[in-house]
Amino acid sequence: MFKAYKNLSPKTRLAVGVGVIAWGVAGLYLSDRAEEKFGYTPSEKDKEELRSWTPRIVTVDKPDSGDK
């Protein structure tokens, strides 16, 4: 697949890249609007449950070994 892409002319590759980016931006915009239209906006309970699933990151300081 990548070889077929590389065989395209630079102008065509640019057009394909811009098209993919435009498709992604349109999808992000339209999915939010569709979510609101069909009533799939998350409630506060849903948001809180989602936050409970996010991993927690704990930093641990290493003791100074003194050897430098």
PDB file of N, CA and C in Angstrom:
ATOM      1  N   MET A   1       0.825  -1.184   0.000  1.00  0.00           N
ATOM      2  CA  MET A   1       0.000   0.000   0.000  1.00  0.00           C
ATOM      3  C   MET A   1       0.880   1.263   0.000  1.00  0.00           C
ATOM      4  N   PHE A   2       1.934   1.228   0.832  1.00  0.00           N
ATOM      5  CA  PHE A   2       2.820   2.383   0.900  1.00  0.00           C
ATOM      6  C   PHE A   2       3.563   2.579  -0.422  1.00  0.00           C
ATOM      7  N   LYS A   3       3.899   1.462  -1.080  1.00  0.00           N
ATOM      8  CA  LYS A   3       4.607   1.559  -2.355  1.00  0.00           C
ATOM      9  C   LYS A   3       3.714   2.212  -3.411  1.00  0.00           C
ATOM     10  N   ALA A   4       2.441   1.868  -3.411  1.00  0.00           N
ATOM     11  CA  ALA A   4       1.501   2.482  -4.354  1.00  0.00           C
ATOM     12  C   ALA A   4       1.377   3.980  -4.079  1.00  0.00           C
ATOM     13  N   TYR A   5       1.395   4.351  -2.801  1.00  0.00           N
ATOM     14  CA  TYR A   5       1.330   5.768  -2.434  1.00  0.00           C
ATOM     15  C   TYR A   5       2.582   6.499  -2.907  1.00  0.00           C
ATOM     16  N   LYS A   6       3.729   5.888  -2.716  1.00  0.00           N
ATOM     17  CA  LYS A   6       4.987   6.529  -3.120  1.00  0.00           C
ATOM     18  C   LYS A   6       5.104   6.658  -4.635  1.00  0.00           C
ATOM     19  N   ASN A   7       4.398   5.809  -5.382  1.00  0.00           N
ATOM     20  CA  ASN A   7       4.448   5.887  -6.842  1.00  0.00           C
ATOM     21  C   ASN A   7       3.603   7.030  -7.392  1.00  0.00           C
ATOM     22  N   LEU A   8       2.779   7.644  -6.575  1.00  0.00           N
ATOM     23  CA  LEU A   8       1.962   8.773  -7.030  1.00  0.00           C
ATOM     24  C   LEU A   8       2.848   9.999  -7.221  1.00  0.00           C
ATOM     25  N   SER A   9       2.392  10.917  -8.049  1.00  0.00           N
ATOM     26  CA  SER A   9       3.142  12.162  -8.235  1.00  0.00           C
ATOM     27  C   SER A   9       3.039  13.002  -6.958  1.00  0.00           C
ATOM     28  N   PRO A  10       3.992  13.902  -6.733  1.00  0.00           N
ATOM     29  CA  PRO A  10       3.954  14.719  -5.518  1.00  0.00           C
ATOM     30  C   PRO A  10       2.658  15.520  -5.364  1.00  0.00           C
ATOM     31  N   LYS A  11       2.127  16.033  -6.461  1.00  0.00           N
ATOM     32  CA  LYS A  11       0.875  16.795  -6.373  1.00  0.00           C
ATOM     33  C   LYS A  11      -0.280  15.896  -5.937  1.00  0.00           C
ATOM     34  N   THR A  12      -0.302  14.686  -6.451  1.00  0.00           N
ATOM     35  CA  THR A  12      -1.361  13.747  -6.091  1.00  0.00           C
ATOM     36  C   THR A  12      -1.225  13.331  -4.634  1.00  0.00           C
ATOM     37  N   ARG A  13       0.012  13.094  -4.184  1.00  0.00           N
ATOM     38  CA  ARG A  13       0.229  12.753  -2.773  1.00  0.00           C
ATOM     39  C   ARG A  13      -0.218  13.879  -1.865  1.00  0.00           C
ATOM     40  N   LEU A  14       0.044  15.120  -2.272  1.00  0.00           N
ATOM     41  CA  LEU A  14      -0.403  16.269  -1.492  1.00  0.00           C
ATOM     42  C   LEU A  14      -1.924  16.305  -1.430  1.00  0.00           C
ATOM     43  N   ALA A  15      -2.563  16.058  -2.560  1.00  0.00           N
ATOM     44  CA  ALA A  15      -4.029  16.063  -2.600  1.00  0.00           C
ATOM     45  C   ALA A  15      -4.603  14.955  -1.723  1.00  0.00           C
ATOM     46  N   VAL A  16      -3.992  13.786  -1.756  1.00  0.00           N
ATOM     47  CA  VAL A  16      -4.457  12.679  -0.913  1.00  0.00           C
ATOM     48  C   VAL A  16      -4.275  13.036   0.562  1.00  0.00           C
ATOM     49  N   GLY A  17      -3.148  13.607   0.922  1.00  0.00           N
ATOM     50  CA  GLY A  17      -2.901  13.999   2.308  1.00  0.00           C
ATOM     51  C   GLY A  17      -3.877  15.044   2.796  1.00  0.00           C
ATOM     52  N   VAL A  18      -4.116  16.061   1.980  1.00  0.00           N
ATOM     53  CA  VAL A  18      -5.074  17.107   2.354  1.00  0.00           C
ATOM     54  C   VAL A  18      -6.473  16.511   2.466  1.00  0.00           C
ATOM     55  N   GLY A  19      -6.807  15.589   1.575  1.00  0.00           N
ATOM     56  CA  GLY A  19      -8.113  14.934   1.629  1.00  0.00           C
ATOM     57  C   GLY A  19      -8.306  14.129   2.901  1.00  0.00           C
ATOM     58  N   VAL A  20      -7.279  13.408   3.318  1.00  0.00           N
ATOM     59  CA  VAL A  20      -7.357  12.618   4.552  1.00  0.00           C
ATOM     60  C   VAL A  20      -7.516  13.537   5.761  1.00  0.00           C
ATOM     61  N   ILE A  21      -6.768  14.620   5.798  1.00  0.00           N
ATOM     62  CA  ILE A  21      -6.878  15.566   6.909  1.00  0.00           C
ATOM     63  C   ILE A  21      -8.257  16.205   6.931  1.00  0.00           C
ATOM     64  N   ALA A  22      -8.775  16.599   5.765  1.00  0.00           N
ATOM     65  CA  ALA A  22     -10.114  17.195   5.695  1.00  0.00           C
ATOM     66  C   ALA A  22     -11.173  16.197   6.145  1.00  0.00           C
ATOM     67  N   TRP A  23     -11.032  14.945   5.749  1.00  0.00           N
ATOM     68  CA  TRP A  23     -11.971  13.898   6.163  1.00  0.00           C
ATOM     69  C   TRP A  23     -11.948  13.741   7.688  1.00  0.00           C
ATOM     70  N   GLY A  24     -10.779  13.757   8.278  1.00  0.00           N
ATOM     71  CA  GLY A  24     -10.661  13.636   9.729  1.00  0.00           C
ATOM     72  C   GLY A  24     -11.271  14.813  10.462  1.00  0.00           C
ATOM     73  N   VAL A  25     -11.003  16.023   9.980  1.00  0.00           N
ATOM     74  CA  VAL A  25     -11.563  17.224  10.617  1.00  0.00           C
ATOM     75  C   VAL A  25     -13.082  17.220  10.504  1.00  0.00           C
ATOM     76  N   ALA A  26     -13.598  16.863   9.337  1.00  0.00           N
ATOM     77  CA  ALA A  26     -15.056  16.803   9.157  1.00  0.00           C
ATOM     78  C   ALA A  26     -15.663  15.752  10.079  1.00  0.00           C
ATOM     79  N   GLY A  27     -15.003  14.623  10.223  1.00  0.00           N
ATOM     80  CA  GLY A  27     -15.500  13.576  11.112  1.00  0.00           C
ATOM     81  C   GLY A  27     -15.536  14.021  12.555  1.00  0.00           C
ATOM     82  N   LEU A  28     -14.494  14.713  12.999  1.00  0.00           N
ATOM     83  CA  LEU A  28     -14.480  15.205  14.374  1.00  0.00           C
ATOM     84  C   LEU A  28     -15.585  16.223  14.612  1.00  0.00           C
ATOM     85  N   TYR A  29     -15.790  17.106  13.665  1.00  0.00           N
ATOM     86  CA  TYR A  29     -16.816  18.135  13.804  1.00  0.00           C
ATOM     87  C   TYR A  29     -18.213  17.522  13.756  1.00  0.00           C
ATOM     88  N   LEU A  30     -18.449  16.670  12.774  1.00  0.00           N
ATOM     89  CA  LEU A  30     -19.788  16.113  12.594  1.00  0.00           C
ATOM     90  C   LEU A  30     -20.154  15.097  13.669  1.00  0.00           C
ATOM     91  N   SER A  31     -19.179  14.388  14.215  1.00  0.00           N
ATOM     92  CA  SER A  31     -19.505  13.411  15.253  1.00  0.00           C
ATOM     93  C   SER A  31     -20.003  14.106  16.516  1.00  0.00           C
ATOM     94  N   ASP A  32     -19.429  15.250  16.861  1.00  0.00           N
ATOM     95  CA  ASP A  32     -19.914  15.995  18.022  1.00  0.00           C
ATOM     96  C   ASP A  32     -21.328  16.504  17.792  1.00  0.00           C
ATOM     97  N   ARG A  33     -21.595  16.996  16.595  1.00  0.00           N
ATOM     98  CA  ARG A  33     -22.940  17.500  16.279  1.00  0.00           C
ATOM     99  C   ARG A  33     -23.954  16.366  16.264  1.00  0.00           C
ATOM    100  N   ALA A  34     -23.585  15.219  15.734  1.00  0.00           N
ATOM    101  CA  ALA A  34     -24.496  14.071  15.706  1.00  0.00           C
ATOM    102  C   ALA A  34     -24.754  13.564  17.121  1.00  0.00           C
ATOM    103  N   GLU A  35     -23.730  13.582  17.958  1.00  0.00           N
ATOM    104  CA  GLU A  35     -23.882  13.164  19.350  1.00  0.00           C
ATOM    105  C   GLU A  35     -24.913  14.034  20.058  1.00  0.00           C
ATOM    106  N   GLU A  36     -24.848  15.329  19.842  1.00  0.00           N
ATOM    107  CA  GLU A  36     -25.814  16.241  20.452  1.00  0.00           C
ATOM    108  C   GLU A  36     -27.210  16.026  19.877  1.00  0.00           C
ATOM    109  N   LYS A  37     -27.301  15.837  18.576  1.00  0.00           N
ATOM    110  CA  LYS A  37     -28.601  15.694  17.917  1.00  0.00           C
ATOM    111  C   LYS A  37     -29.330  14.432  18.371  1.00  0.00           C
ATOM    112  N   PHE A  38     -28.609  13.326  18.515  1.00  0.00           N
ATOM    113  CA  PHE A  38     -29.236  12.060  18.880  1.00  0.00           C
ATOM    114  C   PHE A  38     -29.293  11.832  20.387  1.00  0.00           C
ATOM    115  N   GLY A  39     -28.839  12.794  21.166  1.00  0.00           N
ATOM    116  CA  GLY A  39     -28.956  12.699  22.620  1.00  0.00           C
ATOM    117  C   GLY A  39     -27.953  11.782  23.286  1.00  0.00           C
ATOM    118  N   TYR A  40     -26.782  11.652  22.711  1.00  0.00           N
ATOM    119  CA  TYR A  40     -25.761  10.795  23.295  1.00  0.00           C
ATOM    120  C   TYR A  40     -24.723  11.574  24.101  1.00  0.00           C
ATOM    121  N   THR A  41     -25.047  12.768  24.529  1.00  0.00           N
ATOM    122  CA  THR A  41     -24.091  13.526  25.333  1.00  0.00           C
ATOM    123  C   THR A  41     -23.970  12.859  26.698  1.00  0.00           C
ATOM    124  N   PRO A  42     -22.765  12.717  27.212  1.00  0.00           N
ATOM    125  CA  PRO A  42     -22.579  12.015  28.482  1.00  0.00           C
ATOM    126  C   PRO A  42     -23.083  12.838  29.664  1.00  0.00           C
ATOM    127  N   SER A  43     -23.630  12.133  30.643  1.00  0.00           N
ATOM    128  CA  SER A  43     -24.083  12.794  31.866  1.00  0.00           C
ATOM    129  C   SER A  43     -22.885  12.953  32.802  1.00  0.00           C
ATOM    130  N   GLU A  44     -23.096  13.661  33.890  1.00  0.00           N
ATOM    131  CA  GLU A  44     -22.012  13.833  34.866  1.00  0.00           C
ATOM    132  C   GLU A  44     -21.627  12.485  35.471  1.00  0.00           C
ATOM    133  N   LYS A  45     -22.610  11.599  35.653  1.00  0.00           N
ATOM    134  CA  LYS A  45     -22.323  10.262  36.184  1.00  0.00           C
ATOM    135  C   LYS A  45     -21.414   9.500  35.220  1.00  0.00           C
ATOM    136  N   ASP A  46     -21.700   9.593  33.922  1.00  0.00           N
ATOM    137  CA  ASP A  46     -20.871   8.927  32.915  1.00  0.00           C
ATOM    138  C   ASP A  46     -19.451   9.487  32.915  1.00  0.00           C
ATOM    139  N   LYS A  47     -19.336  10.801  33.024  1.00  0.00           N
ATOM    140  CA  LYS A  47     -18.010  11.426  33.041  1.00  0.00           C
ATOM    141  C   LYS A  47     -17.215  10.994  34.267  1.00  0.00           C
ATOM    142  N   GLU A  48     -17.891  10.901  35.425  1.00  0.00           N
ATOM    143  CA  GLU A  48     -17.216  10.491  36.655  1.00  0.00           C
ATOM    144  C   GLU A  48     -16.762   9.031  36.558  1.00  0.00           C
ATOM    145  N   GLU A  49     -17.598   8.179  35.966  1.00  0.00           N
ATOM    146  CA  GLU A  49     -17.214   6.776  35.794  1.00  0.00           C
ATOM    147  C   GLU A  49     -16.011   6.661  34.859  1.00  0.00           C
ATOM    148  N   LEU A  50     -15.989   7.463  33.819  1.00  0.00           N
ATOM    149  CA  LEU A  50     -14.856   7.456  32.897  1.00  0.00           C
ATOM    150  C   LEU A  50     -13.582   7.913  33.602  1.00  0.00           C
ATOM    151  N   ARG A  51     -13.691   8.929  34.446  1.00  0.00           N
ATOM    152  CA  ARG A  51     -12.515   9.398  35.196  1.00  0.00           C
ATOM    153  C   ARG A  51     -11.990   8.315  36.131  1.00  0.00           C
ATOM    154  N   SER A  52     -12.887   7.470  36.666  1.00  0.00           N
ATOM    155  CA  SER A  52     -12.438   6.414  37.579  1.00  0.00           C
ATOM    156  C   SER A  52     -11.634   5.343  36.838  1.00  0.00           C
ATOM    157  N   TRP A  53     -11.797   5.235  35.528  1.00  0.00           N
ATOM    158  CA  TRP A  53     -11.066   4.250  34.741  1.00  0.00           C
ATOM    159  C   TRP A  53      -9.711   4.761  34.255  1.00  0.00           C
ATOM    160  N   THR A  54      -9.463   6.050  34.357  1.00  0.00           N
ATOM    161  CA  THR A  54      -8.185   6.579  33.883  1.00  0.00           C
ATOM    162  C   THR A  54      -7.060   6.142  34.820  1.00  0.00           C
ATOM    163  N   PRO A  55      -5.921   5.791  34.274  1.00  0.00           N
ATOM    164  CA  PRO A  55      -4.817   5.344  35.126  1.00  0.00           C
ATOM    165  C   PRO A  55      -4.247   6.497  35.947  1.00  0.00           C
ATOM    166  N   ARG A  56      -3.825   6.169  37.118  1.00  0.00           N
ATOM    167  CA  ARG A  56      -3.199   7.149  38.004  1.00  0.00           C
ATOM    168  C   ARG A  56      -1.684   7.015  37.869  1.00  0.00           C
ATOM    169  N   ILE A  57      -1.001   8.126  37.774  1.00  0.00           N
ATOM    170  CA  ILE A  57       0.451   8.123  37.654  1.00  0.00           C
ATOM    171  C   ILE A  57       1.032   8.626  38.964  1.00  0.00           C
ATOM    172  N   VAL A  58       1.884   7.801  39.545  1.00  0.00           N
ATOM    173  CA  VAL A  58       2.510   8.144  40.814  1.00  0.00           C
ATOM    174  C   VAL A  58       4.009   8.236  40.576  1.00  0.00           C
ATOM    175  N   THR A  59       4.597   9.354  40.930  1.00  0.00           N
ATOM    176  CA  THR A  59       6.042   9.499  40.775  1.00  0.00           C
ATOM    177  C   THR A  59       6.730   9.083  42.065  1.00  0.00           C
ATOM    178  N   VAL A  60       7.848   8.424  41.906  1.00  0.00           N
ATOM    179  CA  VAL A  60       8.617   7.960  43.051  1.00  0.00           C
ATOM    180  C   VAL A  60      10.019   8.522  42.902  1.00  0.00           C
ATOM    181  N   ASP A  61      10.490   9.231  43.922  1.00  0.00           N
ATOM    182  CA  ASP A  61      11.840   9.776  43.893  1.00  0.00           C
ATOM    183  C   ASP A  61      12.837   8.664  44.190  1.00  0.00           C
ATOM    184  N   LYS A  62      13.905   8.641  43.393  1.00  0.00           N
ATOM    185  CA  LYS A  62      14.961   7.664  43.627  1.00  0.00           C
ATOM    186  C   LYS A  62      15.900   8.225  44.689  1.00  0.00           C
ATOM    187  N   PRO A  63      16.356   7.376  45.579  1.00  0.00           N
ATOM    188  CA  PRO A  63      17.320   7.871  46.579  1.00  0.00           C
ATOM    189  C   PRO A  63      18.635   8.237  45.893  1.00  0.00           C
ATOM    190  N   ASP A  64      19.279   9.265  46.402  1.00  0.00           N
ATOM    191  CA  ASP A  64      20.541   9.722  45.836  1.00  0.00           C
ATOM    192  C   ASP A  64      21.632   8.730  46.208  1.00  0.00           C
ATOM    193  N   SER A  65      22.303   8.145  45.208  1.00  0.00           N
ATOM    194  CA  SER A  65      23.316   7.120  45.482  1.00  0.00           C
ATOM    195  C   SER A  65      24.646   7.734  45.921  1.00  0.00           C
ATOM    196  N   GLY A  66      24.886   8.964  45.572  1.00  0.00           N
ATOM    197  CA  GLY A  66      26.110   9.630  45.975  1.00  0.00           C
ATOM    198  C   GLY A  66      27.291   9.332  45.068  1.00  0.00           C
ATOM    199  N   ASP A  67      27.162   8.383  44.160  1.00  0.00           N
ATOM    200  CA  ASP A  67      28.243   8.043  43.225  1.00  0.00           C
ATOM    201  C   ASP A  67      28.041   8.806  41.927  1.00  0.00           C
ATOM    202  N   LYS A  68      28.910   9.771  41.678  1.00  0.00           N
ATOM    203  CA  LYS A  68      28.819  10.526  40.424  1.00  0.00           C
ATOM    204  C   LYS A  68      30.144  10.646  39.795  1.00  0.00           C
TER     205      LYS A  68
END
